Amino acid sequence: MSTTSSSAPENVTVRAVPIELCQFIKFGGLADSGGAAKQAVAEGLVTVNGTLEKRKSRQLLAGDQVTLAGRTIVVHVG
């Protein structure tokens, strides 16, 4: 039996920061829709930089790490 831990963080390139947490979750593919992203945050399923985050409108900056369901994405400006 193999143990699956969270995968390596993936950079997700955005045009500009700050970016709203729910927008980034949707853009980064962690949720299928903005509504699903908001629900995940409201249910306490999302961490930002390792800390539980329940503010849907949290503003993210370059280098912030967002984790949901074992996947971590990192804000990268390009």
PDB file of N, CA and C in Angstrom:
ATOM      1  N   MET A   1       0.844  -1.187   0.000  1.00  0.00           N
ATOM      2  CA  MET A   1       0.000   0.000   0.000  1.00  0.00           C
ATOM      3  C   MET A   1       0.881   1.239   0.000  1.00  0.00           C
ATOM      4  N   SER A   2       0.638   2.117  -0.943  1.00  0.00           N
ATOM      5  CA  SER A   2       1.453   3.325  -0.998  1.00  0.00           C
ATOM      6  C   SER A   2       0.755   4.466  -0.275  1.00  0.00           C
ATOM      7  N   THR A   3       1.567   5.258   0.366  1.00  0.00           N
ATOM      8  CA  THR A   3       0.996   6.419   1.052  1.00  0.00           C
ATOM      9  C   THR A   3       1.114   7.614   0.139  1.00  0.00           C
ATOM     10  N   THR A   4       0.025   8.308  -0.023  1.00  0.00           N
ATOM     11  CA  THR A   4       0.032   9.495  -0.867  1.00  0.00           C
ATOM     12  C   THR A   4      -0.097  10.711   0.023  1.00  0.00           C
ATOM     13  N   SER A   5       0.962  11.490   0.053  1.00  0.00           N
ATOM     14  CA  SER A   5       0.894  12.751   0.801  1.00  0.00           C
ATOM     15  C   SER A   5       0.627  13.853  -0.210  1.00  0.00           C
ATOM     16  N   SER A   6       0.558  15.059   0.272  1.00  0.00           N
ATOM     17  CA  SER A   6       0.283  16.152  -0.650  1.00  0.00           C
ATOM     18  C   SER A   6       1.383  16.238  -1.695  1.00  0.00           C
ATOM     19  N   SER A   7       0.970  16.516  -2.920  1.00  0.00           N
ATOM     20  CA  SER A   7       1.925  16.590  -4.017  1.00  0.00           C
ATOM     21  C   SER A   7       2.776  17.849  -3.906  1.00  0.00           C
ATOM     22  N   ALA A   8       3.808  17.889  -4.719  1.00  0.00           N
ATOM     23  CA  ALA A   8       4.690  19.056  -4.709  1.00  0.00           C
ATOM     24  C   ALA A   8       3.903  20.292  -5.124  1.00  0.00           C
ATOM     25  N   PRO A   9       4.223  21.430  -4.530  1.00  0.00           N
ATOM     26  CA  PRO A   9       3.520  22.662  -4.888  1.00  0.00           C
ATOM     27  C   PRO A   9       3.686  22.995  -6.371  1.00  0.00           C
ATOM     28  N   GLU A  10       2.628  23.487  -6.974  1.00  0.00           N
ATOM     29  CA  GLU A  10       2.649  23.868  -8.387  1.00  0.00           C
ATOM     30  C   GLU A  10       2.540  25.381  -8.490  1.00  0.00           C
ATOM     31  N   ASN A  11       3.414  25.994  -9.295  1.00  0.00           N
ATOM     32  CA  ASN A  11       3.304  27.429  -9.546  1.00  0.00           C
ATOM     33  C   ASN A  11       2.128  27.686 -10.474  1.00  0.00           C
ATOM     34  N   VAL A  12       1.315  28.676 -10.128  1.00  0.00           N
ATOM     35  CA  VAL A  12       0.223  29.120 -10.990  1.00  0.00           C
ATOM     36  C   VAL A  12       0.485  30.593 -11.280  1.00  0.00           C
ATOM     37  N   THR A  13       0.724  30.893 -12.552  1.00  0.00           N
ATOM     38  CA  THR A  13       1.087  32.249 -12.946  1.00  0.00           C
ATOM     39  C   THR A  13      -0.150  33.116 -13.125  1.00  0.00           C
ATOM     40  N   VAL A  14      -0.122  34.271 -12.464  1.00  0.00           N
ATOM     41  CA  VAL A  14      -1.188  35.270 -12.592  1.00  0.00           C
ATOM     42  C   VAL A  14      -0.576  36.539 -13.171  1.00  0.00           C
ATOM     43  N   ARG A  15      -1.426  37.395 -13.710  1.00  0.00           N
ATOM     44  CA  ARG A  15      -0.924  38.622 -14.328  1.00  0.00           C
ATOM     45  C   ARG A  15      -0.502  39.660 -13.298  1.00  0.00           C
ATOM     46  N   ALA A  16      -1.244  39.725 -12.187  1.00  0.00           N
ATOM     47  CA  ALA A  16      -0.959  40.767 -11.193  1.00  0.00           C
ATOM     48  C   ALA A  16      -1.419  40.316  -9.815  1.00  0.00           C
ATOM     49  N   VAL A  17      -0.787  40.848  -8.804  1.00  0.00           N
ATOM     50  CA  VAL A  17      -1.198  40.639  -7.423  1.00  0.00           C
ATOM     51  C   VAL A  17      -1.540  41.999  -6.840  1.00  0.00           C
ATOM     52  N   PRO A  18      -2.385  42.052  -5.834  1.00  0.00           N
ATOM     53  CA  PRO A  18      -2.974  40.902  -5.148  1.00  0.00           C
ATOM     54  C   PRO A  18      -4.088  40.262  -5.971  1.00  0.00           C
ATOM     55  N   ILE A  19      -4.365  38.982  -5.652  1.00  0.00           N
ATOM     56  CA  ILE A  19      -5.472  38.254  -6.265  1.00  0.00           C
ATOM     57  C   ILE A  19      -6.308  37.666  -5.131  1.00  0.00           C
ATOM     58  N   GLU A  20      -7.604  37.687  -5.290  1.00  0.00           N
ATOM     59  CA  GLU A  20      -8.504  37.179  -4.257  1.00  0.00           C
ATOM     60  C   GLU A  20      -8.400  35.655  -4.158  1.00  0.00           C
ATOM     61  N   LEU A  21      -8.453  35.160  -2.926  1.00  0.00           N
ATOM     62  CA  LEU A  21      -8.292  33.732  -2.658  1.00  0.00           C
ATOM     63  C   LEU A  21      -9.203  32.869  -3.519  1.00  0.00           C
ATOM     64  N   CYS A  22     -10.488  33.136  -3.532  1.00  0.00           N
ATOM     65  CA  CYS A  22     -11.420  32.289  -4.284  1.00  0.00           C
ATOM     66  C   CYS A  22     -11.147  32.331  -5.782  1.00  0.00           C
ATOM     67  N   GLN A  23     -10.773  33.498  -6.291  1.00  0.00           N
ATOM     68  CA  GLN A  23     -10.429  33.597  -7.711  1.00  0.00           C
ATOM     69  C   GLN A  23      -9.217  32.723  -8.016  1.00  0.00           C
ATOM     70  N   PHE A  24      -8.230  32.746  -7.126  1.00  0.00           N
ATOM     71  CA  PHE A  24      -7.011  31.971  -7.344  1.00  0.00           C
ATOM     72  C   PHE A  24      -7.288  30.467  -7.267  1.00  0.00           C
ATOM     73  N   ILE A  25      -8.145  30.067  -6.330  1.00  0.00           N
ATOM     74  CA  ILE A  25      -8.497  28.642  -6.206  1.00  0.00           C
ATOM     75  C   ILE A  25      -9.137  28.155  -7.509  1.00  0.00           C
ATOM     76  N   LYS A  26     -10.050  28.943  -8.057  1.00  0.00           N
ATOM     77  CA  LYS A  26     -10.704  28.572  -9.312  1.00  0.00           C
ATOM     78  C   LYS A  26      -9.705  28.605 -10.467  1.00  0.00           C
ATOM     79  N   PHE A  27      -8.949  29.685 -10.575  1.00  0.00           N
ATOM     80  CA  PHE A  27      -7.982  29.839 -11.657  1.00  0.00           C
ATOM     81  C   PHE A  27      -6.930  28.729 -11.628  1.00  0.00           C
ATOM     82  N   GLY A  28      -6.516  28.337 -10.426  1.00  0.00           N
ATOM     83  CA  GLY A  28      -5.495  27.306 -10.280  1.00  0.00           C
ATOM     84  C   GLY A  28      -6.007  25.891 -10.422  1.00  0.00           C
ATOM     85  N   GLY A  29      -7.319  25.731 -10.613  1.00  0.00           N
ATOM     86  CA  GLY A  29      -7.873  24.405 -10.865  1.00  0.00           C
ATOM     87  C   GLY A  29      -8.164  23.587  -9.623  1.00  0.00           C
ATOM     88  N   LEU A  30      -8.153  24.210  -8.442  1.00  0.00           N
ATOM     89  CA  LEU A  30      -8.473  23.464  -7.227  1.00  0.00           C
ATOM     90  C   LEU A  30      -9.979  23.329  -7.036  1.00  0.00           C
ATOM     91  N   ALA A  31     -10.756  24.156  -7.733  1.00  0.00           N
ATOM     92  CA  ALA A  31     -12.218  24.088  -7.690  1.00  0.00           C
ATOM     93  C   ALA A  31     -12.747  24.328  -9.092  1.00  0.00           C
ATOM     94  N   ASP A  32     -13.899  23.722  -9.394  1.00  0.00           N
ATOM     95  CA  ASP A  32     -14.487  23.839 -10.725  1.00  0.00           C
ATOM     96  C   ASP A  32     -15.161  25.176 -10.970  1.00  0.00           C
ATOM     97  N   SER A  33     -15.561  25.847  -9.877  1.00  0.00           N
ATOM     98  CA  SER A  33     -16.275  27.111 -10.040  1.00  0.00           C
ATOM     99  C   SER A  33     -15.963  28.033  -8.868  1.00  0.00           C
ATOM    100  N   GLY A  34     -16.328  29.290  -9.036  1.00  0.00           N
ATOM    101  CA  GLY A  34     -16.150  30.239  -7.947  1.00  0.00           C
ATOM    102  C   GLY A  34     -16.989  29.851  -6.741  1.00  0.00           C
ATOM    103  N   GLY A  35     -18.188  29.332  -6.994  1.00  0.00           N
ATOM    104  CA  GLY A  35     -19.058  28.897  -5.906  1.00  0.00           C
ATOM    105  C   GLY A  35     -18.446  27.753  -5.116  1.00  0.00           C
ATOM    106  N   ALA A  36     -17.843  26.805  -5.827  1.00  0.00           N
ATOM    107  CA  ALA A  36     -17.195  25.674  -5.155  1.00  0.00           C
ATOM    108  C   ALA A  36     -16.000  26.155  -4.338  1.00  0.00           C
ATOM    109  N   ALA A  37     -15.275  27.139  -4.866  1.00  0.00           N
ATOM    110  CA  ALA A  37     -14.134  27.697  -4.136  1.00  0.00           C
ATOM    111  C   ALA A  37     -14.606  28.370  -2.856  1.00  0.00           C
ATOM    112  N   LYS A  38     -15.669  29.170  -2.951  1.00  0.00           N
ATOM    113  CA  LYS A  38     -16.208  29.860  -1.772  1.00  0.00           C
ATOM    114  C   LYS A  38     -16.692  28.867  -0.729  1.00  0.00           C
ATOM    115  N   GLN A  39     -17.333  27.780  -1.182  1.00  0.00           N
ATOM    116  CA  GLN A  39     -17.827  26.766  -0.259  1.00  0.00           C
ATOM    117  C   GLN A  39     -16.668  26.074   0.463  1.00  0.00           C
ATOM    118  N   ALA A  40     -15.598  25.761  -0.267  1.00  0.00           N
ATOM    119  CA  ALA A  40     -14.436  25.107   0.336  1.00  0.00           C
ATOM    120  C   ALA A  40     -13.819  25.987   1.416  1.00  0.00           C
ATOM    121  N   VAL A  41     -13.724  27.293   1.142  1.00  0.00           N
ATOM    122  CA  VAL A  41     -13.170  28.222   2.125  1.00  0.00           C
ATOM    123  C   VAL A  41     -14.095  28.291   3.339  1.00  0.00           C
ATOM    124  N   ALA A  42     -15.400  28.426   3.104  1.00  0.00           N
ATOM    125  CA  ALA A  42     -16.372  28.533   4.191  1.00  0.00           C
ATOM    126  C   ALA A  42     -16.365  27.295   5.080  1.00  0.00           C
ATOM    127  N   GLU A  43     -16.112  26.135   4.491  1.00  0.00           N
ATOM    128  CA  GLU A  43     -16.110  24.877   5.239  1.00  0.00           C
ATOM    129  C   GLU A  43     -14.786  24.614   5.949  1.00  0.00           C
ATOM    130  N   GLY A  44     -13.832  25.528   5.802  1.00  0.00           N
ATOM    131  CA  GLY A  44     -12.555  25.360   6.483  1.00  0.00           C
ATOM    132  C   GLY A  44     -11.646  24.321   5.861  1.00  0.00           C
ATOM    133  N   LEU A  45     -11.733  24.173   4.546  1.00  0.00           N
ATOM    134  CA  LEU A  45     -10.930  23.167   3.844  1.00  0.00           C
ATOM    135  C   LEU A  45      -9.677  23.734   3.195  1.00  0.00           C
ATOM    136  N   VAL A  46      -9.467  25.046   3.329  1.00  0.00           N
ATOM    137  CA  VAL A  46      -8.370  25.717   2.624  1.00  0.00           C
ATOM    138  C   VAL A  46      -7.361  26.277   3.621  1.00  0.00           C
ATOM    139  N   THR A  47      -6.077  26.071   3.317  1.00  0.00           N
ATOM    140  CA  THR A  47      -5.028  26.725   4.103  1.00  0.00           C
ATOM    141  C   THR A  47      -4.231  27.636   3.181  1.00  0.00           C
ATOM    142  N   VAL A  48      -3.756  28.736   3.758  1.00  0.00           N
ATOM    143  CA  VAL A  48      -2.873  29.662   3.059  1.00  0.00           C
ATOM    144  C   VAL A  48      -1.593  29.724   3.873  1.00  0.00           C
ATOM    145  N   ASN A  49      -0.495  29.355   3.248  1.00  0.00           N
ATOM    146  CA  ASN A  49       0.812  29.316   3.914  1.00  0.00           C
ATOM    147  C   ASN A  49       0.753  28.477   5.191  1.00  0.00           C
ATOM    148  N   GLY A  50      -0.018  27.377   5.140  1.00  0.00           N
ATOM    149  CA  GLY A  50      -0.087  26.438   6.259  1.00  0.00           C
ATOM    150  C   GLY A  50      -1.070  26.803   7.350  1.00  0.00           C
ATOM    151  N   THR A  51      -1.808  27.902   7.199  1.00  0.00           N
ATOM    152  CA  THR A  51      -2.758  28.354   8.217  1.00  0.00           C
ATOM    153  C   THR A  51      -4.172  28.315   7.649  1.00  0.00           C
ATOM    154  N   LEU A  52      -5.110  27.772   8.409  1.00  0.00           N
ATOM    155  CA  LEU A  52      -6.508  27.721   7.992  1.00  0.00           C
ATOM    156  C   LEU A  52      -6.993  29.126   7.638  1.00  0.00           C
ATOM    157  N   GLU A  53      -7.640  29.244   6.495  1.00  0.00           N
ATOM    158  CA  GLU A  53      -8.125  30.552   6.036  1.00  0.00           C
ATOM    159  C   GLU A  53      -9.611  30.465   5.734  1.00  0.00           C
ATOM    160  N   LYS A  54     -10.417  31.288   6.411  1.00  0.00           N
ATOM    161  CA  LYS A  54     -11.868  31.290   6.195  1.00  0.00           C
ATOM    162  C   LYS A  54     -12.358  32.599   5.586  1.00  0.00           C
ATOM    163  N   ARG A  55     -11.446  33.486   5.215  1.00  0.00           N
ATOM    164  CA  ARG A  55     -11.839  34.743   4.561  1.00  0.00           C
ATOM    165  C   ARG A  55     -11.801  34.540   3.050  1.00  0.00           C
ATOM    166  N   LYS A  56     -12.970  34.532   2.433  1.00  0.00           N
ATOM    167  CA  LYS A  56     -13.058  34.298   0.985  1.00  0.00           C
ATOM    168  C   LYS A  56     -12.362  35.381   0.192  1.00  0.00           C
ATOM    169  N   SER A  57     -12.357  36.596   0.721  1.00  0.00           N
ATOM    170  CA  SER A  57     -11.776  37.714  -0.016  1.00  0.00           C
ATOM    171  C   SER A  57     -10.321  37.983   0.356  1.00  0.00           C
ATOM    172  N   ARG A  58      -9.684  37.052   1.041  1.00  0.00           N
ATOM    173  CA  ARG A  58      -8.271  37.194   1.405  1.00  0.00           C
ATOM    174  C   ARG A  58      -7.466  37.527   0.165  1.00  0.00           C
ATOM    175  N   GLN A  59      -6.631  38.542   0.254  1.00  0.00           N
ATOM    176  CA  GLN A  59      -5.805  38.962  -0.875  1.00  0.00           C
ATOM    177  C   GLN A  59      -4.462  38.230  -0.820  1.00  0.00           C
ATOM    178  N   LEU A  60      -4.114  37.561  -1.901  1.00  0.00           N
ATOM    179  CA  LEU A  60      -2.875  36.789  -1.969  1.00  0.00           C
ATOM    180  C   LEU A  60      -1.799  37.580  -2.700  1.00  0.00           C
ATOM    181  N   LEU A  61      -0.568  37.338  -2.301  1.00  0.00           N
ATOM    182  CA  LEU A  61       0.586  37.975  -2.926  1.00  0.00           C
ATOM    183  C   LEU A  61       1.499  36.904  -3.513  1.00  0.00           C
ATOM    184  N   ALA A  62       2.472  37.319  -4.291  1.00  0.00           N
ATOM    185  CA  ALA A  62       3.421  36.387  -4.899  1.00  0.00           C
ATOM    186  C   ALA A  62       4.073  35.541  -3.809  1.00  0.00           C
ATOM    187  N   GLY A  63       4.144  34.236  -4.060  1.00  0.00           N
ATOM    188  CA  GLY A  63       4.774  33.312  -3.122  1.00  0.00           C
ATOM    189  C   GLY A  63       3.815  32.671  -2.136  1.00  0.00           C
ATOM    190  N   ASP A  64       2.585  33.189  -2.012  1.00  0.00           N
ATOM    191  CA  ASP A  64       1.610  32.575  -1.104  1.00  0.00           C
ATOM    192  C   ASP A  64       1.257  31.183  -1.603  1.00  0.00           C
ATOM    193  N   GLN A  65       1.121  30.244  -0.659  1.00  0.00           N
ATOM    194  CA  GLN A  65       0.786  28.861  -0.988  1.00  0.00           C
ATOM    195  C   GLN A  65      -0.627  28.555  -0.508  1.00  0.00           C
ATOM    196  N   VAL A  66      -1.444  28.030  -1.409  1.00  0.00           N
ATOM    197  CA  VAL A  66      -2.830  27.687  -1.104  1.00  0.00           C
ATOM    198  C   VAL A  66      -2.986  26.175  -1.251  1.00  0.00           C
ATOM    199  N   THR A  67      -3.536  25.537  -0.206  1.00  0.00           N
ATOM    200  CA  THR A  67      -3.713  24.087  -0.228  1.00  0.00           C
ATOM    201  C   THR A  67      -5.180  23.736  -0.047  1.00  0.00           C
ATOM    202  N   LEU A  68      -5.653  22.818  -0.888  1.00  0.00           N
ATOM    203  CA  LEU A  68      -7.016  22.294  -0.816  1.00  0.00           C
ATOM    204  C   LEU A  68      -6.972  20.852  -1.301  1.00  0.00           C
ATOM    205  N   ALA A  69      -7.534  19.955  -0.520  1.00  0.00           N
ATOM    206  CA  ALA A  69      -7.645  18.539  -0.901  1.00  0.00           C
ATOM    207  C   ALA A  69      -6.295  17.925  -1.282  1.00  0.00           C
ATOM    208  N   GLY A  70      -5.260  18.277  -0.530  1.00  0.00           N
ATOM    209  CA  GLY A  70      -3.949  17.671  -0.755  1.00  0.00           C
ATOM    210  C   GLY A  70      -3.137  18.267  -1.886  1.00  0.00           C
ATOM    211  N   ARG A  71      -3.689  19.248  -2.592  1.00  0.00           N
ATOM    212  CA  ARG A  71      -2.941  19.932  -3.665  1.00  0.00           C
ATOM    213  C   ARG A  71      -2.571  21.322  -3.208  1.00  0.00           C
ATOM    214  N   THR A  72      -1.339  21.710  -3.507  1.00  0.00           N
ATOM    215  CA  THR A  72      -0.860  23.048  -3.159  1.00  0.00           C
ATOM    216  C   THR A  72      -0.475  23.785  -4.421  1.00  0.00           C
ATOM    217  N   ILE A  73      -0.988  25.014  -4.520  1.00  0.00           N
ATOM    218  CA  ILE A  73      -0.621  25.884  -5.634  1.00  0.00           C
ATOM    219  C   ILE A  73      -0.009  27.152  -5.056  1.00  0.00           C
ATOM    220  N   VAL A  74       0.930  27.720  -5.803  1.00  0.00           N
ATOM    221  CA  VAL A  74       1.688  28.882  -5.341  1.00  0.00           C
ATOM    222  C   VAL A  74       1.466  30.040  -6.301  1.00  0.00           C
ATOM    223  N   VAL A  75       1.202  31.217  -5.740  1.00  0.00           N
ATOM    224  CA  VAL A  75       1.008  32.421  -6.549  1.00  0.00           C
ATOM    225  C   VAL A  75       2.337  32.806  -7.178  1.00  0.00           C
ATOM    226  N   HIS A  76       2.349  32.878  -8.493  1.00  0.00           N
ATOM    227  CA  HIS A  76       3.545  33.273  -9.249  1.00  0.00           C
ATOM    228  C   HIS A  76       3.125  34.360 -10.234  1.00  0.00           C
ATOM    229  N   VAL A  77       3.845  35.460 -10.242  1.00  0.00           N
ATOM    230  CA  VAL A  77       3.506  36.554 -11.153  1.00  0.00           C
ATOM    231  C   VAL A  77       4.382  36.463 -12.394  1.00  0.00           C
ATOM    232  N   GLY A  78       3.739  36.509 -13.546  1.00  0.00           N
ATOM    233  CA  GLY A  78       4.511  36.372 -14.780  1.00  0.00           C
ATOM    234  C   GLY A  78       4.115  37.338 -15.841  1.00  0.00           C
TER     235      GLY A  78
END
